[in-house]
Every structure is written in C-alpha cells, then in structure tokens.
Amino acid sequence: MIIHVKVFTKSKKKGFVEKDGIINAYLSSAPEKGHANAELVKKLSHKFNIPQSQIEIIKGTKSKNKTIKLDIKK
C-alpha cells in the first residue's frame, strides 16, 4: 500500500489527520539527523499495527511531503 504524508515537525499537536487523500502527520521531533523520519515510522507502525521494518519512505526523506510504502500482509 502506498500512502502520501505531509509532515509537520516540532508540533504541539500530535497524531494524524487525513485531508484530501493525504495524511497530515504532526510530530514533536525536529527535522534533524533523521529524528522526524524515525518518529514518523514509529507512529505509522502503531497506527497500522505493523512492524517498523515493513514501512519504507520511498520518496521525500528530506522533504515535508513523503511517499511511504506500507507492506501490509493480509
């Protein structure tokens, strides 16, 4: 499954909000040294109840707009 996420870092608000097919992710981490990406993967892991190893940022590792592949097995 491919999802599109827009990341808001250093946010007081936390969680996910879906709008127009894009998931807005509100994270507390700063966008430095991969901290925000790591927090995003961890939170998506909890949201979709899958291991972090099944989540891959395939586009936008250094951008607010990310394309993420979730390997959800049924």
PDB file of N, CA and C in Angstrom:
ATOM      1  N   MET A   1       0.844  -1.164   0.000  1.00  0.00           N
ATOM      2  CA  MET A   1       0.000   0.000   0.000  1.00  0.00           C
ATOM      3  C   MET A   1       0.897   1.238   0.000  1.00  0.00           C
ATOM      4  N   ILE A   2       0.565   2.203  -0.822  1.00  0.00           N
ATOM      5  CA  ILE A   2       1.313   3.449  -0.904  1.00  0.00           C
ATOM      6  C   ILE A   2       0.448   4.556  -0.294  1.00  0.00           C
ATOM      7  N   ILE A   3       1.055   5.350   0.595  1.00  0.00           N
ATOM      8  CA  ILE A   3       0.342   6.482   1.175  1.00  0.00           C
ATOM      9  C   ILE A   3       1.180   7.746   0.992  1.00  0.00           C
ATOM     10  N   HIS A   4       0.502   8.873   1.002  1.00  0.00           N
ATOM     11  CA  HIS A   4       1.168  10.171   0.905  1.00  0.00           C
ATOM     12  C   HIS A   4       0.972  10.889   2.232  1.00  0.00           C
ATOM     13  N   VAL A   5       2.089  11.389   2.764  1.00  0.00           N
ATOM     14  CA  VAL A   5       2.074  12.012   4.089  1.00  0.00           C
ATOM     15  C   VAL A   5       2.727  13.383   4.009  1.00  0.00           C
ATOM     16  N   LYS A   6       2.095  14.364   4.650  1.00  0.00           N
ATOM     17  CA  LYS A   6       2.713  15.676   4.825  1.00  0.00           C
ATOM     18  C   LYS A   6       3.064  15.793   6.300  1.00  0.00           C
ATOM     19  N   VAL A   7       4.322  16.091   6.584  1.00  0.00           N
ATOM     20  CA  VAL A   7       4.834  16.085   7.954  1.00  0.00           C
ATOM     21  C   VAL A   7       4.944  17.510   8.492  1.00  0.00           C
ATOM     22  N   PHE A   8       4.458  17.682   9.714  1.00  0.00           N
ATOM     23  CA  PHE A   8       4.599  18.940  10.437  1.00  0.00           C
ATOM     24  C   PHE A   8       5.450  18.646  11.666  1.00  0.00           C
ATOM     25  N   THR A   9       6.686  19.144  11.670  1.00  0.00           N
ATOM     26  CA  THR A   9       7.624  18.845  12.751  1.00  0.00           C
ATOM     27  C   THR A   9       7.531  19.899  13.860  1.00  0.00           C
ATOM     28  N   LYS A  10       8.080  19.546  15.007  1.00  0.00           N
ATOM     29  CA  LYS A  10       8.090  20.405  16.191  1.00  0.00           C
ATOM     30  C   LYS A  10       6.692  20.932  16.492  1.00  0.00           C
ATOM     31  N   SER A  11       5.716  20.062  16.371  1.00  0.00           N
ATOM     32  CA  SER A  11       4.322  20.441  16.550  1.00  0.00           C
ATOM     33  C   SER A  11       3.846  20.145  17.971  1.00  0.00           C
ATOM     34  N   LYS A  12       3.063  21.046  18.516  1.00  0.00           N
ATOM     35  CA  LYS A  12       2.448  20.795  19.817  1.00  0.00           C
ATOM     36  C   LYS A  12       1.280  19.824  19.658  1.00  0.00           C
ATOM     37  N   LYS A  13       0.639  19.878  18.504  1.00  0.00           N
ATOM     38  CA  LYS A  13      -0.447  18.961  18.168  1.00  0.00           C
ATOM     39  C   LYS A  13       0.191  17.625  17.785  1.00  0.00           C
ATOM     40  N   LYS A  14      -0.448  16.519  18.128  1.00  0.00           N
ATOM     41  CA  LYS A  14       0.132  15.211  17.799  1.00  0.00           C
ATOM     42  C   LYS A  14      -0.914  14.331  17.150  1.00  0.00           C
ATOM     43  N   GLY A  15      -0.447  13.447  16.288  1.00  0.00           N
ATOM     44  CA  GLY A  15      -1.353  12.493  15.664  1.00  0.00           C
ATOM     45  C   GLY A  15      -1.448  12.664  14.166  1.00  0.00           C
ATOM     46  N   PHE A  16      -2.477  12.054  13.595  1.00  0.00           N
ATOM     47  CA  PHE A  16      -2.683  12.044  12.153  1.00  0.00           C
ATOM     48  C   PHE A  16      -4.058  12.610  11.822  1.00  0.00           C
ATOM     49  N   VAL A  17      -4.124  13.360  10.719  1.00  0.00           N
ATOM     50  CA  VAL A  17      -5.388  13.866  10.201  1.00  0.00           C
ATOM     51  C   VAL A  17      -5.365  13.647   8.694  1.00  0.00           C
ATOM     52  N   GLU A  18      -6.398  12.981   8.173  1.00  0.00           N
ATOM     53  CA  GLU A  18      -6.452  12.752   6.735  1.00  0.00           C
ATOM     54  C   GLU A  18      -7.257  13.866   6.078  1.00  0.00           C
ATOM     55  N   LYS A  19      -6.695  14.424   4.995  1.00  0.00           N
ATOM     56  CA  LYS A  19      -7.342  15.519   4.276  1.00  0.00           C
ATOM     57  C   LYS A  19      -7.023  15.387   2.797  1.00  0.00           C
ATOM     58  N   ASP A  20      -8.035  15.271   1.981  1.00  0.00           N
ATOM     59  CA  ASP A  20      -7.887  15.186   0.527  1.00  0.00           C
ATOM     60  C   ASP A  20      -6.958  14.054   0.092  1.00  0.00           C
ATOM     61  N   GLY A  21      -7.035  12.908   0.751  1.00  0.00           N
ATOM     62  CA  GLY A  21      -6.213  11.755   0.384  1.00  0.00           C
ATOM     63  C   GLY A  21      -4.783  11.808   0.871  1.00  0.00           C
ATOM     64  N   ILE A  22      -4.445  12.844   1.604  1.00  0.00           N
ATOM     65  CA  ILE A  22      -3.097  12.987   2.159  1.00  0.00           C
ATOM     66  C   ILE A  22      -3.213  12.939   3.674  1.00  0.00           C
ATOM     67  N   ILE A  23      -2.307  12.221   4.296  1.00  0.00           N
ATOM     68  CA  ILE A  23      -2.297  12.133   5.756  1.00  0.00           C
ATOM     69  C   ILE A  23      -1.354  13.205   6.293  1.00  0.00           C
ATOM     70  N   ASN A  24      -1.887  14.097   7.117  1.00  0.00           N
ATOM     71  CA  ASN A  24      -1.055  15.084   7.797  1.00  0.00           C
ATOM     72  C   ASN A  24      -0.575  14.461   9.097  1.00  0.00           C
ATOM     73  N   ALA A  25       0.747  14.427   9.273  1.00  0.00           N
ATOM     74  CA  ALA A  25       1.340  13.830  10.469  1.00  0.00           C
ATOM     75  C   ALA A  25       1.959  14.944  11.310  1.00  0.00           C
ATOM     76  N   TYR A  26       1.500  15.053  12.547  1.00  0.00           N
ATOM     77  CA  TYR A  26       2.010  16.066  13.468  1.00  0.00           C
ATOM     78  C   TYR A  26       2.986  15.383  14.424  1.00  0.00           C
ATOM     79  N   LEU A  27       4.259  15.778  14.336  1.00  0.00           N
ATOM     80  CA  LEU A  27       5.328  15.136  15.097  1.00  0.00           C
ATOM     81  C   LEU A  27       5.989  16.133  16.039  1.00  0.00           C
ATOM     82  N   SER A  28       6.504  15.635  17.152  1.00  0.00           N
ATOM     83  CA  SER A  28       7.195  16.510  18.101  1.00  0.00           C
ATOM     84  C   SER A  28       8.685  16.660  17.777  1.00  0.00           C
ATOM     85  N   SER A  29       9.240  15.745  16.993  1.00  0.00           N
ATOM     86  CA  SER A  29      10.671  15.764  16.681  1.00  0.00           C
ATOM     87  C   SER A  29      11.039  16.895  15.726  1.00  0.00           C
ATOM     88  N   ALA A  30      12.311  17.283  15.803  1.00  0.00           N
ATOM     89  CA  ALA A  30      12.869  18.257  14.869  1.00  0.00           C
ATOM     90  C   ALA A  30      13.317  17.522  13.599  1.00  0.00           C
ATOM     91  N   PRO A  31      13.301  18.223  12.472  1.00  0.00           N
ATOM     92  CA  PRO A  31      13.708  17.585  11.218  1.00  0.00           C
ATOM     93  C   PRO A  31      15.235  17.558  11.048  1.00  0.00           C
ATOM     94  N   GLU A  32      15.924  17.023  12.022  1.00  0.00           N
ATOM     95  CA  GLU A  32      17.384  16.979  12.000  1.00  0.00           C
ATOM     96  C   GLU A  32      17.869  15.558  12.236  1.00  0.00           C
ATOM     97  N   LYS A  33      18.866  15.159  11.492  1.00  0.00           N
ATOM     98  CA  LYS A  33      19.532  13.867  11.658  1.00  0.00           C
ATOM     99  C   LYS A  33      18.563  12.683  11.589  1.00  0.00           C
ATOM    100  N   GLY A  34      17.472  12.837  10.856  1.00  0.00           N
ATOM    101  CA  GLY A  34      16.533  11.740  10.673  1.00  0.00           C
ATOM    102  C   GLY A  34      15.588  11.472  11.831  1.00  0.00           C
ATOM    103  N   HIS A  35      15.576  12.362  12.835  1.00  0.00           N
ATOM    104  CA  HIS A  35      14.723  12.145  14.003  1.00  0.00           C
ATOM    105  C   HIS A  35      13.238  12.159  13.645  1.00  0.00           C
ATOM    106  N   ALA A  36      12.832  13.091  12.797  1.00  0.00           N
ATOM    107  CA  ALA A  36      11.419  13.181  12.418  1.00  0.00           C
ATOM    108  C   ALA A  36      11.002  11.961  11.591  1.00  0.00           C
ATOM    109  N   ASN A  37      11.866  11.509  10.692  1.00  0.00           N
ATOM    110  CA  ASN A  37      11.544  10.316   9.898  1.00  0.00           C
ATOM    111  C   ASN A  37      11.404   9.090  10.793  1.00  0.00           C
ATOM    112  N   ALA A  38      12.286   8.977  11.771  1.00  0.00           N
ATOM    113  CA  ALA A  38      12.218   7.839  12.692  1.00  0.00           C
ATOM    114  C   ALA A  38      10.929   7.882  13.519  1.00  0.00           C
ATOM    115  N   GLU A  39      10.554   9.070  13.980  1.00  0.00           N
ATOM    116  CA  GLU A  39       9.308   9.200  14.743  1.00  0.00           C
ATOM    117  C   GLU A  39       8.101   8.879  13.855  1.00  0.00           C
ATOM    118  N   LEU A  40       8.142   9.336  12.602  1.00  0.00           N
ATOM    119  CA  LEU A  40       7.047   9.055  11.675  1.00  0.00           C
ATOM    120  C   LEU A  40       6.874   7.562  11.455  1.00  0.00           C
ATOM    121  N   VAL A  41       7.964   6.859  11.218  1.00  0.00           N
ATOM    122  CA  VAL A  41       7.899   5.403  11.002  1.00  0.00           C
ATOM    123  C   VAL A  41       7.351   4.713  12.246  1.00  0.00           C
ATOM    124  N   LYS A  42       7.796   5.130  13.417  1.00  0.00           N
ATOM    125  CA  LYS A  42       7.324   4.534  14.663  1.00  0.00           C
ATOM    126  C   LYS A  42       5.818   4.752  14.843  1.00  0.00           C
ATOM    127  N   LYS A  43       5.352   5.969  14.583  1.00  0.00           N
ATOM    128  CA  LYS A  43       3.929   6.277  14.755  1.00  0.00           C
ATOM    129  C   LYS A  43       3.071   5.567  13.702  1.00  0.00           C
ATOM    130  N   LEU A  44       3.565   5.475  12.468  1.00  0.00           N
ATOM    131  CA  LEU A  44       2.819   4.737  11.439  1.00  0.00           C
ATOM    132  C   LEU A  44       2.747   3.256  11.787  1.00  0.00           C
ATOM    133  N   SER A  45       3.808   2.736  12.378  1.00  0.00           N
ATOM    134  CA  SER A  45       3.835   1.348  12.813  1.00  0.00           C
ATOM    135  C   SER A  45       2.706   1.077  13.809  1.00  0.00           C
ATOM    136  N   HIS A  46       2.533   1.996  14.751  1.00  0.00           N
ATOM    137  CA  HIS A  46       1.457   1.844  15.740  1.00  0.00           C
ATOM    138  C   HIS A  46       0.086   2.038  15.099  1.00  0.00           C
ATOM    139  N   LYS A  47      -0.029   3.013  14.216  1.00  0.00           N
ATOM    140  CA  LYS A  47      -1.318   3.313  13.584  1.00  0.00           C
ATOM    141  C   LYS A  47      -1.827   2.137  12.754  1.00  0.00           C
ATOM    142  N   PHE A  48      -0.940   1.520  11.967  1.00  0.00           N
ATOM    143  CA  PHE A  48      -1.340   0.432  11.083  1.00  0.00           C
ATOM    144  C   PHE A  48      -1.084  -0.950  11.691  1.00  0.00           C
ATOM    145  N   ASN A  49      -0.543  -0.976  12.910  1.00  0.00           N
ATOM    146  CA  ASN A  49      -0.273  -2.227  13.622  1.00  0.00           C
ATOM    147  C   ASN A  49       0.602  -3.188  12.810  1.00  0.00           C
ATOM    148  N   ILE A  50       1.701  -2.642  12.301  1.00  0.00           N
ATOM    149  CA  ILE A  50       2.680  -3.443  11.557  1.00  0.00           C
ATOM    150  C   ILE A  50       4.074  -3.120  12.095  1.00  0.00           C
ATOM    151  N   PRO A  51       5.037  -4.037  11.891  1.00  0.00           N
ATOM    152  CA  PRO A  51       6.409  -3.760  12.340  1.00  0.00           C
ATOM    153  C   PRO A  51       7.032  -2.597  11.565  1.00  0.00           C
ATOM    154  N   GLN A  52       7.924  -1.876  12.208  1.00  0.00           N
ATOM    155  CA  GLN A  52       8.609  -0.750  11.559  1.00  0.00           C
ATOM    156  C   GLN A  52       9.382  -1.196  10.328  1.00  0.00           C
ATOM    157  N   SER A  53       9.828  -2.440  10.312  1.00  0.00           N
ATOM    158  CA  SER A  53      10.591  -2.956   9.171  1.00  0.00           C
ATOM    159  C   SER A  53       9.742  -3.067   7.903  1.00  0.00           C
ATOM    160  N   GLN A  54       8.427  -2.988   8.042  1.00  0.00           N
ATOM    161  CA  GLN A  54       7.528  -3.081   6.884  1.00  0.00           C
ATOM    162  C   GLN A  54       7.093  -1.706   6.385  1.00  0.00           C
ATOM    163  N   ILE A  55       7.780  -0.666   6.848  1.00  0.00           N
ATOM    164  CA  ILE A  55       7.478   0.703   6.429  1.00  0.00           C
ATOM    165  C   ILE A  55       8.726   1.283   5.775  1.00  0.00           C
ATOM    166  N   GLU A  56       8.550   1.840   4.564  1.00  0.00           N
ATOM    167  CA  GLU A  56       9.686   2.392   3.834  1.00  0.00           C
ATOM    168  C   GLU A  56       9.306   3.751   3.252  1.00  0.00           C
ATOM    169  N   ILE A  57      10.132   4.766   3.531  1.00  0.00           N
ATOM    170  CA  ILE A  57       9.946   6.076   2.914  1.00  0.00           C
ATOM    171  C   ILE A  57      10.603   5.986   1.535  1.00  0.00           C
ATOM    172  N   ILE A  58       9.789   5.964   0.493  1.00  0.00           N
ATOM    173  CA  ILE A  58      10.342   5.765  -0.846  1.00  0.00           C
ATOM    174  C   ILE A  58      10.601   7.076  -1.583  1.00  0.00           C
ATOM    175  N   LYS A  59      10.018   8.161  -1.090  1.00  0.00           N
ATOM    176  CA  LYS A  59      10.264   9.467  -1.703  1.00  0.00           C
ATOM    177  C   LYS A  59      10.063  10.546  -0.649  1.00  0.00           C
ATOM    178  N   GLY A  60      10.983  11.511  -0.596  1.00  0.00           N
ATOM    179  CA  GLY A  60      10.817  12.653   0.286  1.00  0.00           C
ATOM    180  C   GLY A  60      11.480  12.533   1.635  1.00  0.00           C
ATOM    181  N   THR A  61      12.593  11.814   1.731  1.00  0.00           N
ATOM    182  CA  THR A  61      13.244  11.667   3.036  1.00  0.00           C
ATOM    183  C   THR A  61      13.703  13.011   3.610  1.00  0.00           C
ATOM    184  N   LYS A  62      13.943  13.992   2.749  1.00  0.00           N
ATOM    185  CA  LYS A  62      14.383  15.310   3.218  1.00  0.00           C
ATOM    186  C   LYS A  62      13.347  16.381   2.915  1.00  0.00           C
ATOM    187  N   SER A  63      12.099  15.964   2.780  1.00  0.00           N
ATOM    188  CA  SER A  63      11.021  16.875   2.434  1.00  0.00           C
ATOM    189  C   SER A  63       9.854  16.694   3.406  1.00  0.00           C
ATOM    190  N   LYS A  64       8.974  17.695   3.460  1.00  0.00           N
ATOM    191  CA  LYS A  64       7.765  17.562   4.278  1.00  0.00           C
ATOM    192  C   LYS A  64       6.764  16.618   3.627  1.00  0.00           C
ATOM    193  N   ASN A  65       6.802  16.537   2.317  1.00  0.00           N
ATOM    194  CA  ASN A  65       5.884  15.679   1.572  1.00  0.00           C
ATOM    195  C   ASN A  65       6.568  14.357   1.278  1.00  0.00           C
ATOM    196  N   LYS A  66       5.994  13.280   1.769  1.00  0.00           N
ATOM    197  CA  LYS A  66       6.622  11.971   1.660  1.00  0.00           C
ATOM    198  C   LYS A  66       5.685  10.961   1.012  1.00  0.00           C
ATOM    199  N   THR A  67       6.270  10.031   0.297  1.00  0.00           N
ATOM    200  CA  THR A  67       5.546   8.893  -0.232  1.00  0.00           C
ATOM    201  C   THR A  67       6.069   7.683   0.522  1.00  0.00           C
ATOM    202  N   ILE A  68       5.152   6.936   1.122  1.00  0.00           N
ATOM    203  CA  ILE A  68       5.541   5.842   2.006  1.00  0.00           C
ATOM    204  C   ILE A  68       4.904   4.544   1.553  1.00  0.00           C
ATOM    205  N   LYS A  69       5.708   3.499   1.557  1.00  0.00           N
ATOM    206  CA  LYS A  69       5.215   2.162   1.208  1.00  0.00           C
ATOM    207  C   LYS A  69       5.019   1.364   2.499  1.00  0.00           C
ATOM    208  N   LEU A  70       3.812   0.847   2.665  1.00  0.00           N
ATOM    209  CA  LEU A  70       3.498   0.003   3.811  1.00  0.00           C
ATOM    210  C   LEU A  70       3.322  -1.415   3.294  1.00  0.00           C
ATOM    211  N   ASP A  71       4.085  -2.336   3.832  1.00  0.00           N
ATOM    212  CA  ASP A  71       3.994  -3.746   3.426  1.00  0.00           C
ATOM    213  C   ASP A  71       3.012  -4.452   4.362  1.00  0.00           C
ATOM    214  N   ILE A  72       1.732  -4.266   4.075  1.00  0.00           N
ATOM    215  CA  ILE A  72       0.680  -4.847   4.913  1.00  0.00           C
ATOM    216  C   ILE A  72       0.286  -6.195   4.326  1.00  0.00           C
ATOM    217  N   LYS A  73       0.519  -7.223   5.099  1.00  0.00           N
ATOM    218  CA  LYS A  73       0.188  -8.592   4.660  1.00  0.00           C
ATOM    219  C   LYS A  73      -1.134  -8.986   5.281  1.00  0.00           C
ATOM    220  N   LYS A  74      -2.005  -9.536   4.462  1.00  0.00           N
ATOM    221  CA  LYS A  74      -3.322  -9.956   4.971  1.00  0.00           C
ATOM    222  C   LYS A  74      -3.368 -11.432   5.197  1.00  0.00           C
TER     223      LYS A  74
END
